[in-house]
Amino acid sequence: MHSLVLVGATLALLASVNGHQYETCNRWFADTDRYPGYTCNEDNLCWYGCHNSYCWSQCNGVGSMAWDGPEGTCNTWYHLNGNLEWCWLNNGSGWKKRCTTNRDCRIFSNNRCLSTCSVG
């Protein structure tokens, strides 16, 4: 009986976690003190921003193996030792998009990666 209750509680916990994993970007990176340059794209659940004068976005590399979310969305729970998988964003013409602030990258934050998705 005790193990049945434990299994039921575990399933309930998993159901509640799964119920929230498609609503917002990975909460691990929501700490603005630790990750000050990250902005959440609520459309595709990917973090994005301006780094070294170019737009970047979270992407799914290794994290895609365990991601069952909607096509085109970023894994909302995976990270590798506090790092997310990211890439440079395509400006729509096959080049990296230049920027000075995260706001400059907003209209490109749904674009595909120009570079390989990697951790860094």
PDB file of N, CA and C in Angstrom:
ATOM      1  N   MET A   1       0.826  -1.194   0.000  1.00  0.00           N
ATOM      2  CA  MET A   1       0.000   0.000   0.000  1.00  0.00           C
ATOM      3  C   MET A   1       0.870   1.258   0.000  1.00  0.00           C
ATOM      4  N   HIS A   2       1.942   1.239   0.828  1.00  0.00           N
ATOM      5  CA  HIS A   2       2.827   2.404   0.903  1.00  0.00           C
ATOM      6  C   HIS A   2       3.476   2.700  -0.451  1.00  0.00           C
ATOM      7  N   SER A   3       3.914   1.647  -1.160  1.00  0.00           N
ATOM      8  CA  SER A   3       4.550   1.865  -2.467  1.00  0.00           C
ATOM      9  C   SER A   3       3.536   2.368  -3.495  1.00  0.00           C
ATOM     10  N   LEU A   4       2.281   1.948  -3.383  1.00  0.00           N
ATOM     11  CA  LEU A   4       1.243   2.428  -4.288  1.00  0.00           C
ATOM     12  C   LEU A   4       1.008   3.924  -4.098  1.00  0.00           C
ATOM     13  N   VAL A   5       1.015   4.390  -2.852  1.00  0.00           N
ATOM     14  CA  VAL A   5       0.852   5.810  -2.558  1.00  0.00           C
ATOM     15  C   VAL A   5       2.048   6.595  -3.112  1.00  0.00           C
ATOM     16  N   LEU A   6       3.257   6.034  -2.946  1.00  0.00           N
ATOM     17  CA  LEU A   6       4.465   6.683  -3.448  1.00  0.00           C
ATOM     18  C   LEU A   6       4.435   6.795  -4.974  1.00  0.00           C
ATOM     19  N   VAL A   7       4.005   5.741  -5.654  1.00  0.00           N
ATOM     20  CA  VAL A   7       3.891   5.775  -7.107  1.00  0.00           C
ATOM     21  C   VAL A   7       2.849   6.818  -7.526  1.00  0.00           C
ATOM     22  N   GLY A   8       1.736   6.857  -6.840  1.00  0.00           N
ATOM     23  CA  GLY A   8       0.687   7.834  -7.157  1.00  0.00           C
ATOM     24  C   GLY A   8       1.173   9.259  -6.960  1.00  0.00           C
ATOM     25  N   ALA A   9       1.909   9.509  -5.884  1.00  0.00           N
ATOM     26  CA  ALA A   9       2.444  10.844  -5.626  1.00  0.00           C
ATOM     27  C   ALA A   9       3.471  11.228  -6.679  1.00  0.00           C
ATOM     28  N   THR A  10       4.285  10.281  -7.091  1.00  0.00           N
ATOM     29  CA  THR A  10       5.281  10.547  -8.133  1.00  0.00           C
ATOM     30  C   THR A  10       4.608  10.892  -9.446  1.00  0.00           C
ATOM     31  N   LEU A  11       3.589  10.145  -9.818  1.00  0.00           N
ATOM     32  CA  LEU A  11       2.863  10.428 -11.061  1.00  0.00           C
ATOM     33  C   LEU A  11       2.182  11.792 -11.008  1.00  0.00           C
ATOM     34  N   ALA A  12       1.637  12.149  -9.859  1.00  0.00           N
ATOM     35  CA  ALA A  12       0.991  13.456  -9.709  1.00  0.00           C
ATOM     36  C   ALA A  12       2.014  14.570  -9.851  1.00  0.00           C
ATOM     37  N   LEU A  13       3.200  14.383  -9.269  1.00  0.00           N
ATOM     38  CA  LEU A  13       4.258  15.377  -9.390  1.00  0.00           C
ATOM     39  C   LEU A  13       4.689  15.537 -10.844  1.00  0.00           C
ATOM     40  N   LEU A  14       4.880  14.429 -11.532  1.00  0.00           N
ATOM     41  CA  LEU A  14       5.263  14.488 -12.949  1.00  0.00           C
ATOM     42  C   LEU A  14       4.189  15.165 -13.784  1.00  0.00           C
ATOM     43  N   ALA A  15       2.952  14.895 -13.489  1.00  0.00           N
ATOM     44  CA  ALA A  15       1.854  15.513 -14.232  1.00  0.00           C
ATOM     45  C   ALA A  15       1.841  17.019 -14.011  1.00  0.00           C
ATOM     46  N   SER A  16       2.116  17.460 -12.779  1.00  0.00           N
ATOM     47  CA  SER A  16       2.109  18.893 -12.529  1.00  0.00           C
ATOM     48  C   SER A  16       3.303  19.567 -13.190  1.00  0.00           C
ATOM     49  N   VAL A  17       4.448  18.905 -13.210  1.00  0.00           N
ATOM     50  CA  VAL A  17       5.617  19.458 -13.893  1.00  0.00           C
ATOM     51  C   VAL A  17       5.351  19.537 -15.385  1.00  0.00           C
ATOM     52  N   ASN A  18       4.823  18.474 -15.960  1.00  0.00           N
ATOM     53  CA  ASN A  18       4.531  18.473 -17.388  1.00  0.00           C
ATOM     54  C   ASN A  18       3.477  19.506 -17.752  1.00  0.00           C
ATOM     55  N   GLY A  19       2.563  19.802 -16.842  1.00  0.00           N
ATOM     56  CA  GLY A  19       1.530  20.784 -17.106  1.00  0.00           C
ATOM     57  C   GLY A  19       2.068  22.195 -17.240  1.00  0.00           C
ATOM     58  N   HIS A  20       3.256  22.461 -16.742  1.00  0.00           N
ATOM     59  CA  HIS A  20       3.823  23.810 -16.771  1.00  0.00           C
ATOM     60  C   HIS A  20       5.005  23.954 -17.715  1.00  0.00           C
ATOM     61  N   GLN A  21       5.524  22.877 -18.247  1.00  0.00           N
ATOM     62  CA  GLN A  21       6.774  22.988 -18.988  1.00  0.00           C
ATOM     63  C   GLN A  21       6.629  23.650 -20.350  1.00  0.00           C
ATOM     64  N   TYR A  22       5.438  23.872 -20.839  1.00  0.00           N
ATOM     65  CA  TYR A  22       5.268  24.506 -22.145  1.00  0.00           C
ATOM     66  C   TYR A  22       4.775  25.950 -22.031  1.00  0.00           C
ATOM     67  N   GLU A  23       4.788  26.526 -20.833  1.00  0.00           N
ATOM     68  CA  GLU A  23       4.210  27.840 -20.622  1.00  0.00           C
ATOM     69  C   GLU A  23       5.202  28.991 -20.700  1.00  0.00           C
ATOM     70  N   THR A  24       6.448  28.768 -20.334  1.00  0.00           N
ATOM     71  CA  THR A  24       7.418  29.851 -20.318  1.00  0.00           C
ATOM     72  C   THR A  24       8.822  29.303 -20.523  1.00  0.00           C
ATOM     73  N   CYS A  25       9.759  30.192 -20.702  1.00  0.00           N
ATOM     74  CA  CYS A  25      11.153  29.796 -20.905  1.00  0.00           C
ATOM     75  C   CYS A  25      11.688  29.064 -19.672  1.00  0.00           C
ATOM     76  N   ASN A  26      12.781  28.377 -19.842  1.00  0.00           N
ATOM     77  CA  ASN A  26      13.431  27.619 -18.771  1.00  0.00           C
ATOM     78  C   ASN A  26      13.643  28.515 -17.555  1.00  0.00           C
ATOM     79  N   ARG A  27      13.000  28.174 -16.458  1.00  0.00           N
ATOM     80  CA  ARG A  27      13.045  29.005 -15.254  1.00  0.00           C
ATOM     81  C   ARG A  27      14.434  29.066 -14.629  1.00  0.00           C
ATOM     82  N   TRP A  28      15.290  28.098 -14.947  1.00  0.00           N
ATOM     83  CA  TRP A  28      16.649  28.083 -14.399  1.00  0.00           C
ATOM     84  C   TRP A  28      17.372  29.390 -14.736  1.00  0.00           C
ATOM     85  N   PHE A  29      17.077  29.970 -15.899  1.00  0.00           N
ATOM     86  CA  PHE A  29      17.771  31.162 -16.376  1.00  0.00           C
ATOM     87  C   PHE A  29      17.001  32.454 -16.109  1.00  0.00           C
ATOM     88  N   ALA A  30      15.944  32.386 -15.305  1.00  0.00           N
ATOM     89  CA  ALA A  30      15.137  33.567 -14.995  1.00  0.00           C
ATOM     90  C   ALA A  30      15.768  34.455 -13.927  1.00  0.00           C
ATOM     91  N   ASP A  31      16.814  33.994 -13.273  1.00  0.00           N
ATOM     92  CA  ASP A  31      17.511  34.761 -12.244  1.00  0.00           C
ATOM     93  C   ASP A  31      18.316  35.877 -12.917  1.00  0.00           C
ATOM     94  N   THR A  32      17.802  37.110 -12.883  1.00  0.00           N
ATOM     95  CA  THR A  32      18.450  38.210 -13.604  1.00  0.00           C
ATOM     96  C   THR A  32      19.777  38.629 -12.977  1.00  0.00           C
ATOM     97  N   ASP A  33      20.020  38.260 -11.735  1.00  0.00           N
ATOM     98  CA  ASP A  33      21.329  38.550 -11.140  1.00  0.00           C
ATOM     99  C   ASP A  33      22.399  37.637 -11.725  1.00  0.00           C
ATOM    100  N   ARG A  34      22.041  36.382 -11.919  1.00  0.00           N
ATOM    101  CA  ARG A  34      22.990  35.410 -12.455  1.00  0.00           C
ATOM    102  C   ARG A  34      23.054  35.448 -13.983  1.00  0.00           C
ATOM    103  N   TYR A  35      21.928  35.718 -14.630  1.00  0.00           N
ATOM    104  CA  TYR A  35      21.843  35.746 -16.097  1.00  0.00           C
ATOM    105  C   TYR A  35      21.227  37.073 -16.542  1.00  0.00           C
ATOM    106  N   PRO A  36      21.975  38.182 -16.462  1.00  0.00           N
ATOM    107  CA  PRO A  36      21.389  39.505 -16.709  1.00  0.00           C
ATOM    108  C   PRO A  36      21.040  39.810 -18.161  1.00  0.00           C
ATOM    109  N   GLY A  37      21.596  39.104 -19.111  1.00  0.00           N
ATOM    110  CA  GLY A  37      21.364  39.439 -20.513  1.00  0.00           C
ATOM    111  C   GLY A  37      20.342  38.570 -21.209  1.00  0.00           C
ATOM    112  N   TYR A  38      19.486  37.887 -20.461  1.00  0.00           N
ATOM    113  CA  TYR A  38      18.553  36.957 -21.067  1.00  0.00           C
ATOM    114  C   TYR A  38      17.143  37.550 -21.111  1.00  0.00           C
ATOM    115  N   THR A  39      16.495  37.449 -22.268  1.00  0.00           N
ATOM    116  CA  THR A  39      15.107  37.873 -22.438  1.00  0.00           C
ATOM    117  C   THR A  39      14.330  36.665 -22.945  1.00  0.00           C
ATOM    118  N   CYS A  40      13.120  36.454 -22.407  1.00  0.00           N
ATOM    119  CA  CYS A  40      12.315  35.289 -22.780  1.00  0.00           C
ATOM    120  C   CYS A  40      11.415  35.596 -23.969  1.00  0.00           C
ATOM    121  N   ASN A  41      11.500  34.780 -24.997  1.00  0.00           N
ATOM    122  CA  ASN A  41      10.585  34.853 -26.141  1.00  0.00           C
ATOM    123  C   ASN A  41       9.434  33.906 -25.822  1.00  0.00           C
ATOM    124  N   GLU A  42       8.307  34.448 -25.443  1.00  0.00           N
ATOM    125  CA  GLU A  42       7.157  33.630 -25.054  1.00  0.00           C
ATOM    126  C   GLU A  42       6.558  32.874 -26.243  1.00  0.00           C
ATOM    127  N   ASP A  43       6.876  33.286 -27.479  1.00  0.00           N
ATOM    128  CA  ASP A  43       6.351  32.596 -28.664  1.00  0.00           C
ATOM    129  C   ASP A  43       6.973  31.215 -28.841  1.00  0.00           C
ATOM    130  N   ASN A  44       8.302  31.121 -28.676  1.00  0.00           N
ATOM    131  CA  ASN A  44       8.970  29.832 -28.898  1.00  0.00           C
ATOM    132  C   ASN A  44       9.662  29.294 -27.650  1.00  0.00           C
ATOM    133  N   LEU A  45       9.453  29.953 -26.509  1.00  0.00           N
ATOM    134  CA  LEU A  45       9.992  29.530 -25.215  1.00  0.00           C
ATOM    135  C   LEU A  45      11.518  29.517 -25.170  1.00  0.00           C
ATOM    136  N   CYS A  46      12.154  30.339 -26.003  1.00  0.00           N
ATOM    137  CA  CYS A  46      13.616  30.413 -26.064  1.00  0.00           C
ATOM    138  C   CYS A  46      14.106  31.724 -25.463  1.00  0.00           C
ATOM    139  N   TRP A  47      15.160  31.649 -24.699  1.00  0.00           N
ATOM    140  CA  TRP A  47      15.850  32.852 -24.245  1.00  0.00           C
ATOM    141  C   TRP A  47      16.618  33.425 -25.428  1.00  0.00           C
ATOM    142  N   TYR A  48      16.777  34.733 -25.464  1.00  0.00           N
ATOM    143  CA  TYR A  48      17.559  35.366 -26.523  1.00  0.00           C
ATOM    144  C   TYR A  48      18.175  36.652 -25.976  1.00  0.00           C
ATOM    145  N   GLY A  49      19.069  37.235 -26.760  1.00  0.00           N
ATOM    146  CA  GLY A  49      19.670  38.489 -26.345  1.00  0.00           C
ATOM    147  C   GLY A  49      20.736  38.963 -27.307  1.00  0.00           C
ATOM    148  N   CYS A  50      21.447  39.999 -26.875  1.00  0.00           N
ATOM    149  CA  CYS A  50      22.534  40.586 -27.639  1.00  0.00           C
ATOM    150  C   CYS A  50      23.826  40.300 -26.885  1.00  0.00           C
ATOM    151  N   HIS A  51      24.771  39.654 -27.561  1.00  0.00           N
ATOM    152  CA  HIS A  51      26.055  39.311 -26.933  1.00  0.00           C
ATOM    153  C   HIS A  51      27.173  39.572 -27.937  1.00  0.00           C
ATOM    154  N   ASN A  52      28.190  40.292 -27.520  1.00  0.00           N
ATOM    155  CA  ASN A  52      29.303  40.642 -28.417  1.00  0.00           C
ATOM    156  C   ASN A  52      28.814  41.274 -29.721  1.00  0.00           C
ATOM    157  N   SER A  53      27.781  42.102 -29.612  1.00  0.00           N
ATOM    158  CA  SER A  53      27.213  42.865 -30.738  1.00  0.00           C
ATOM    159  C   SER A  53      26.430  42.028 -31.747  1.00  0.00           C
ATOM    160  N   TYR A  54      26.062  40.805 -31.385  1.00  0.00           N
ATOM    161  CA  TYR A  54      25.252  39.961 -32.279  1.00  0.00           C
ATOM    162  C   TYR A  54      24.106  39.317 -31.499  1.00  0.00           C
ATOM    163  N   CYS A  55      23.019  39.066 -32.199  1.00  0.00           N
ATOM    164  CA  CYS A  55      21.849  38.422 -31.595  1.00  0.00           C
ATOM    165  C   CYS A  55      22.074  36.921 -31.468  1.00  0.00           C
ATOM    166  N   TRP A  56      21.677  36.384 -30.335  1.00  0.00           N
ATOM    167  CA  TRP A  56      21.776  34.952 -30.076  1.00  0.00           C
ATOM    168  C   TRP A  56      20.418  34.454 -29.591  1.00  0.00           C
ATOM    169  N   SER A  57      20.238  33.145 -29.612  1.00  0.00           N
ATOM    170  CA  SER A  57      19.020  32.530 -29.083  1.00  0.00           C
ATOM    171  C   SER A  57      19.332  31.160 -28.506  1.00  0.00           C
ATOM    172  N   GLN A  58      18.569  30.785 -27.509  1.00  0.00           N
ATOM    173  CA  GLN A  58      18.606  29.412 -27.014  1.00  0.00           C
ATOM    174  C   GLN A  58      18.155  28.504 -28.152  1.00  0.00           C
ATOM    175  N   CYS A  59      18.655  27.281 -28.181  1.00  0.00           N
ATOM    176  CA  CYS A  59      18.259  26.307 -29.195  1.00  0.00           C
ATOM    177  C   CYS A  59      18.313  24.914 -28.579  1.00  0.00           C
ATOM    178  N   ASN A  60      17.881  23.927 -29.318  1.00  0.00           N
ATOM    179  CA  ASN A  60      17.900  22.545 -28.848  1.00  0.00           C
ATOM    180  C   ASN A  60      18.975  21.764 -29.587  1.00  0.00           C
ATOM    181  N   GLY A  61      20.017  21.399 -28.893  1.00  0.00           N
ATOM    182  CA  GLY A  61      21.049  20.506 -29.418  1.00  0.00           C
ATOM    183  C   GLY A  61      20.844  19.158 -28.743  1.00  0.00           C
ATOM    184  N   VAL A  62      21.672  18.866 -27.772  1.00  0.00           N
ATOM    185  CA  VAL A  62      21.528  17.630 -26.986  1.00  0.00           C
ATOM    186  C   VAL A  62      20.190  17.621 -26.264  1.00  0.00           C
ATOM    187  N   GLY A  63      19.748  18.792 -25.806  1.00  0.00           N
ATOM    188  CA  GLY A  63      18.480  18.887 -25.081  1.00  0.00           C
ATOM    189  C   GLY A  63      17.277  18.434 -25.881  1.00  0.00           C
ATOM    190  N   SER A  64      17.398  18.362 -27.205  1.00  0.00           N
ATOM    191  CA  SER A  64      16.266  17.942 -28.035  1.00  0.00           C
ATOM    192  C   SER A  64      15.946  16.464 -27.862  1.00  0.00           C
ATOM    193  N   MET A  65      16.923  15.681 -27.402  1.00  0.00           N
ATOM    194  CA  MET A  65      16.682  14.242 -27.233  1.00  0.00           C
ATOM    195  C   MET A  65      15.628  13.957 -26.174  1.00  0.00           C
ATOM    196  N   ALA A  66      15.507  14.837 -25.185  1.00  0.00           N
ATOM    197  CA  ALA A  66      14.545  14.614 -24.109  1.00  0.00           C
ATOM    198  C   ALA A  66      13.396  15.615 -24.143  1.00  0.00           C
ATOM    199  N   TRP A  67      13.292  16.400 -25.193  1.00  0.00           N
ATOM    200  CA  TRP A  67      12.256  17.433 -25.281  1.00  0.00           C
ATOM    201  C   TRP A  67      11.082  16.925 -26.085  1.00  0.00           C
ATOM    202  N   ASP A  68       9.907  16.960 -25.471  1.00  0.00           N
ATOM    203  CA  ASP A  68       8.701  16.506 -26.157  1.00  0.00           C
ATOM    204  C   ASP A  68       7.726  17.661 -26.381  1.00  0.00           C
ATOM    205  N   GLY A  69       8.240  18.859 -26.300  1.00  0.00           N
ATOM    206  CA  GLY A  69       7.403  20.034 -26.495  1.00  0.00           C
ATOM    207  C   GLY A  69       7.055  20.253 -27.956  1.00  0.00           C
ATOM    208  N   PRO A  70       6.236  21.250 -28.207  1.00  0.00           N
ATOM    209  CA  PRO A  70       5.831  21.549 -29.580  1.00  0.00           C
ATOM    210  C   PRO A  70       7.027  21.835 -30.481  1.00  0.00           C
ATOM    211  N   GLU A  71       6.922  21.470 -31.739  1.00  0.00           N
ATOM    212  CA  GLU A  71       7.976  21.707 -32.737  1.00  0.00           C
ATOM    213  C   GLU A  71       8.344  23.186 -32.760  1.00  0.00           C
ATOM    214  N   GLY A  72       9.625  23.472 -32.785  1.00  0.00           N
ATOM    215  CA  GLY A  72      10.093  24.848 -32.869  1.00  0.00           C
ATOM    216  C   GLY A  72      10.223  25.561 -31.539  1.00  0.00           C
ATOM    217  N   THR A  73       9.939  24.866 -30.430  1.00  0.00           N
ATOM    218  CA  THR A  73      10.099  25.483 -29.116  1.00  0.00           C
ATOM    219  C   THR A  73      11.351  24.953 -28.435  1.00  0.00           C
ATOM    220  N   CYS A  74      11.868  25.739 -27.505  1.00  0.00           N
ATOM    221  CA  CYS A  74      13.085  25.353 -26.781  1.00  0.00           C
ATOM    222  C   CYS A  74      12.762  24.521 -25.547  1.00  0.00           C
ATOM    223  N   ASN A  75      13.671  23.648 -25.216  1.00  0.00           N
ATOM    224  CA  ASN A  75      13.539  22.827 -24.014  1.00  0.00           C
ATOM    225  C   ASN A  75      13.461  23.751 -22.806  1.00  0.00           C
ATOM    226  N   THR A  76      12.424  23.585 -22.001  1.00  0.00           N
ATOM    227  CA  THR A  76      12.190  24.489 -20.884  1.00  0.00           C
ATOM    228  C   THR A  76      12.705  23.969 -19.550  1.00  0.00           C
ATOM    229  N   TRP A  77      13.409  22.854 -19.549  1.00  0.00           N
ATOM    230  CA  TRP A  77      13.959  22.369 -18.287  1.00  0.00           C
ATOM    231  C   TRP A  77      15.426  21.959 -18.389  1.00  0.00           C
ATOM    232  N   TYR A  78      15.945  21.695 -19.562  1.00  0.00           N
ATOM    233  CA  TYR A  78      17.313  21.195 -19.716  1.00  0.00           C
ATOM    234  C   TYR A  78      18.345  22.312 -19.588  1.00  0.00           C
ATOM    235  N   HIS A  79      19.426  22.023 -18.898  1.00  0.00           N
ATOM    236  CA  HIS A  79      20.616  22.879 -18.892  1.00  0.00           C
ATOM    237  C   HIS A  79      21.809  21.977 -18.581  1.00  0.00           C
ATOM    238  N   LEU A  80      22.981  22.405 -18.942  1.00  0.00           N
ATOM    239  CA  LEU A  80      24.195  21.644 -18.699  1.00  0.00           C
ATOM    240  C   LEU A  80      25.059  22.445 -17.737  1.00  0.00           C
ATOM    241  N   ASN A  81      25.029  22.056 -16.472  1.00  0.00           N
ATOM    242  CA  ASN A  81      25.796  22.751 -15.426  1.00  0.00           C
ATOM    243  C   ASN A  81      25.512  24.253 -15.403  1.00  0.00           C
ATOM    244  N   GLY A  82      24.271  24.619 -15.567  1.00  0.00           N
ATOM    245  CA  GLY A  82      23.888  26.026 -15.533  1.00  0.00           C
ATOM    246  C   GLY A  82      24.095  26.775 -16.835  1.00  0.00           C
ATOM    247  N   ASN A  83      24.406  26.062 -17.894  1.00  0.00           N
ATOM    248  CA  ASN A  83      24.588  26.683 -19.211  1.00  0.00           C
ATOM    249  C   ASN A  83      23.492  26.213 -20.153  1.00  0.00           C
ATOM    250  N   LEU A  84      23.029  27.111 -21.003  1.00  0.00           N
ATOM    251  CA  LEU A  84      22.046  26.679 -21.986  1.00  0.00           C
ATOM    252  C   LEU A  84      22.704  26.492 -23.348  1.00  0.00           C
ATOM    253  N   GLU A  85      22.008  25.805 -24.207  1.00  0.00           N
ATOM    254  CA  GLU A  85      22.469  25.617 -25.583  1.00  0.00           C
ATOM    255  C   GLU A  85      22.014  26.835 -26.368  1.00  0.00           C
ATOM    256  N   TRP A  86      22.902  27.385 -27.188  1.00  0.00           N
ATOM    257  CA  TRP A  86      22.580  28.619 -27.892  1.00  0.00           C
ATOM    258  C   TRP A  86      23.223  28.650 -29.262  1.00  0.00           C
ATOM    259  N   CYS A  87      22.789  29.639 -30.062  1.00  0.00           N
ATOM    260  CA  CYS A  87      23.340  29.839 -31.400  1.00  0.00           C
ATOM    261  C   CYS A  87      23.218  31.309 -31.768  1.00  0.00           C
ATOM    262  N   TRP A  88      23.945  31.719 -32.805  1.00  0.00           N
ATOM    263  CA  TRP A  88      23.775  33.056 -33.370  1.00  0.00           C
ATOM    264  C   TRP A  88      22.536  33.038 -34.246  1.00  0.00           C
ATOM    265  N   LEU A  89      21.760  34.106 -34.217  1.00  0.00           N
ATOM    266  CA  LEU A  89      20.531  34.183 -35.000  1.00  0.00           C
ATOM    267  C   LEU A  89      20.781  34.691 -36.420  1.00  0.00           C
ATOM    268  N   ASN A  90      20.058  34.092 -37.344  1.00  0.00           N
ATOM    269  CA  ASN A  90      20.087  34.494 -38.748  1.00  0.00           C
ATOM    270  C   ASN A  90      19.277  35.788 -38.893  1.00  0.00           C
ATOM    271  N   ASN A  91      19.826  36.770 -39.612  1.00  0.00           N
ATOM    272  CA  ASN A  91      19.099  38.036 -39.804  1.00  0.00           C
ATOM    273  C   ASN A  91      18.059  37.951 -40.920  1.00  0.00           C
ATOM    274  N   GLY A  92      17.926  36.779 -41.529  1.00  0.00           N
ATOM    275  CA  GLY A  92      16.977  36.598 -42.621  1.00  0.00           C
ATOM    276  C   GLY A  92      17.645  36.636 -43.980  1.00  0.00           C
ATOM    277  N   SER A  93      18.910  37.058 -44.008  1.00  0.00           N
ATOM    278  CA  SER A  93      19.669  37.132 -45.265  1.00  0.00           C
ATOM    279  C   SER A  93      20.928  36.271 -45.223  1.00  0.00           C
ATOM    280  N   GLY A  94      20.987  35.381 -44.237  1.00  0.00           N
ATOM    281  CA  GLY A  94      22.133  34.480 -44.149  1.00  0.00           C
ATOM    282  C   GLY A  94      23.328  35.037 -43.404  1.00  0.00           C
ATOM    283  N   TRP A  95      23.126  36.089 -42.615  1.00  0.00           N
ATOM    284  CA  TRP A  95      24.198  36.686 -41.835  1.00  0.00           C
ATOM    285  C   TRP A  95      23.772  36.797 -40.375  1.00  0.00           C
ATOM    286  N   LYS A  96      24.747  36.962 -39.470  1.00  0.00           N
ATOM    287  CA  LYS A  96      24.424  37.229 -38.072  1.00  0.00           C
ATOM    288  C   LYS A  96      23.836  38.631 -37.967  1.00  0.00           C
ATOM    289  N   LYS A  97      22.891  38.787 -37.064  1.00  0.00           N
ATOM    290  CA  LYS A  97      22.244  40.083 -36.858  1.00  0.00           C
ATOM    291  C   LYS A  97      23.034  40.898 -35.833  1.00  0.00           C
ATOM    292  N   ARG A  98      23.484  42.096 -36.221  1.00  0.00           N
ATOM    293  CA  ARG A  98      24.181  43.000 -35.308  1.00  0.00           C
ATOM    294  C   ARG A  98      23.177  43.637 -34.357  1.00  0.00           C
ATOM    295  N   CYS A  99      23.650  43.957 -33.138  1.00  0.00           N
ATOM    296  CA  CYS A  99      22.774  44.548 -32.128  1.00  0.00           C
ATOM    297  C   CYS A  99      23.592  45.332 -31.108  1.00  0.00           C
ATOM    298  N   THR A 100      22.885  46.146 -30.337  1.00  0.00           N
ATOM    299  CA  THR A 100      23.494  46.809 -29.184  1.00  0.00           C
ATOM    300  C   THR A 100      22.728  46.476 -27.900  1.00  0.00           C
ATOM    301  N   THR A 101      21.446  46.110 -28.035  1.00  0.00           N
ATOM    302  CA  THR A 101      20.625  45.725 -26.877  1.00  0.00           C
ATOM    303  C   THR A 101      19.793  44.503 -27.233  1.00  0.00           C
ATOM    304  N   ASN A 102      19.248  43.849 -26.227  1.00  0.00           N
ATOM    305  CA  ASN A 102      18.345  42.711 -26.459  1.00  0.00           C
ATOM    306  C   ASN A 102      17.151  43.118 -27.309  1.00  0.00           C
ATOM    307  N   ARG A 103      16.687  44.333 -27.116  1.00  0.00           N
ATOM    308  CA  ARG A 103      15.518  44.824 -27.853  1.00  0.00           C
ATOM    309  C   ARG A 103      15.760  44.789 -29.366  1.00  0.00           C
ATOM    310  N   ASP A 104      17.011  45.013 -29.782  1.00  0.00           N
ATOM    311  CA  ASP A 104      17.349  44.958 -31.208  1.00  0.00           C
ATOM    312  C   ASP A 104      17.125  43.566 -31.793  1.00  0.00           C
ATOM    313  N   CYS A 105      17.123  42.550 -30.955  1.00  0.00           N
ATOM    314  CA  CYS A 105      17.030  41.157 -31.418  1.00  0.00           C
ATOM    315  C   CYS A 105      15.610  40.613 -31.410  1.00  0.00           C
ATOM    316  N   ARG A 106      14.681  41.332 -30.827  1.00  0.00           N
ATOM    317  CA  ARG A 106      13.317  40.817 -30.657  1.00  0.00           C
ATOM    318  C   ARG A 106      12.701  40.364 -31.979  1.00  0.00           C
ATOM    319  N   ILE A 107      12.774  41.166 -33.012  1.00  0.00           N
ATOM    320  CA  ILE A 107      12.107  40.794 -34.268  1.00  0.00           C
ATOM    321  C   ILE A 107      12.800  39.633 -34.979  1.00  0.00           C
ATOM    322  N   PHE A 108      14.004  39.276 -34.540  1.00  0.00           N
ATOM    323  CA  PHE A 108      14.733  38.155 -35.132  1.00  0.00           C
ATOM    324  C   PHE A 108      14.716  36.922 -34.228  1.00  0.00           C
ATOM    325  N   SER A 109      14.101  37.032 -33.050  1.00  0.00           N
ATOM    326  CA  SER A 109      14.180  35.964 -32.052  1.00  0.00           C
ATOM    327  C   SER A 109      13.435  34.689 -32.447  1.00  0.00           C
ATOM    328  N   ASN A 110      12.599  34.743 -33.487  1.00  0.00           N
ATOM    329  CA  ASN A 110      11.943  33.533 -33.996  1.00  0.00           C
ATOM    330  C   ASN A 110      12.674  32.947 -35.202  1.00  0.00           C
ATOM    331  N   ASN A 111      13.736  33.626 -35.662  1.00  0.00           N
ATOM    332  CA  ASN A 111      14.502  33.135 -36.813  1.00  0.00           C
ATOM    333  C   ASN A 111      15.293  31.884 -36.450  1.00  0.00           C
ATOM    334  N   ARG A 112      15.673  31.145 -37.455  1.00  0.00           N
ATOM    335  CA  ARG A 112      16.490  29.944 -37.269  1.00  0.00           C
ATOM    336  C   ARG A 112      17.926  30.321 -36.946  1.00  0.00           C
ATOM    337  N   CYS A 113      18.628  29.340 -36.402  1.00  0.00           N
ATOM    338  CA  CYS A 113      20.048  29.513 -36.076  1.00  0.00           C
ATOM    339  C   CYS A 113      20.871  29.677 -37.347  1.00  0.00           C
ATOM    340  N   LEU A 114      21.870  30.525 -37.263  1.00  0.00           N
ATOM    341  CA  LEU A 114      22.842  30.659 -38.329  1.00  0.00           C
ATOM    342  C   LEU A 114      24.057  29.769 -38.041  1.00  0.00           C
ATOM    343  N   SER A 115      24.314  29.553 -36.750  1.00  0.00           N
ATOM    344  CA  SER A 115      25.456  28.749 -36.327  1.00  0.00           C
ATOM    345  C   SER A 115      24.981  27.434 -35.711  1.00  0.00           C
ATOM    346  N   THR A 116      25.938  26.616 -35.357  1.00  0.00           N
ATOM    347  CA  THR A 116      25.645  25.353 -34.670  1.00  0.00           C
ATOM    348  C   THR A 116      25.104  25.637 -33.280  1.00  0.00           C
ATOM    349  N   CYS A 117      24.167  24.846 -32.822  1.00  0.00           N
ATOM    350  CA  CYS A 117      23.640  24.943 -31.473  1.00  0.00           C
ATOM    351  C   CYS A 117      24.654  24.278 -30.541  1.00  0.00           C
ATOM    352  N   SER A 118      25.180  25.056 -29.580  1.00  0.00           N
ATOM    353  CA  SER A 118      26.206  24.509 -28.689  1.00  0.00           C
ATOM    354  C   SER A 118      26.074  25.103 -27.299  1.00  0.00           C
ATOM    355  N   VAL A 119      26.802  24.547 -26.355  1.00  0.00           N
ATOM    356  CA  VAL A 119      26.814  25.024 -24.979  1.00  0.00           C
ATOM    357  C   VAL A 119      28.018  25.942 -24.815  1.00  0.00           C
ATOM    358  N   GLY A 120      27.803  27.031 -24.132  1.00  0.00           N
ATOM    359  CA  GLY A 120      28.929  27.931 -23.912  1.00  0.00           C
ATOM    360  C   GLY A 120      28.587  29.094 -23.058  1.00  0.00           C
TER     361      GLY A 120
END
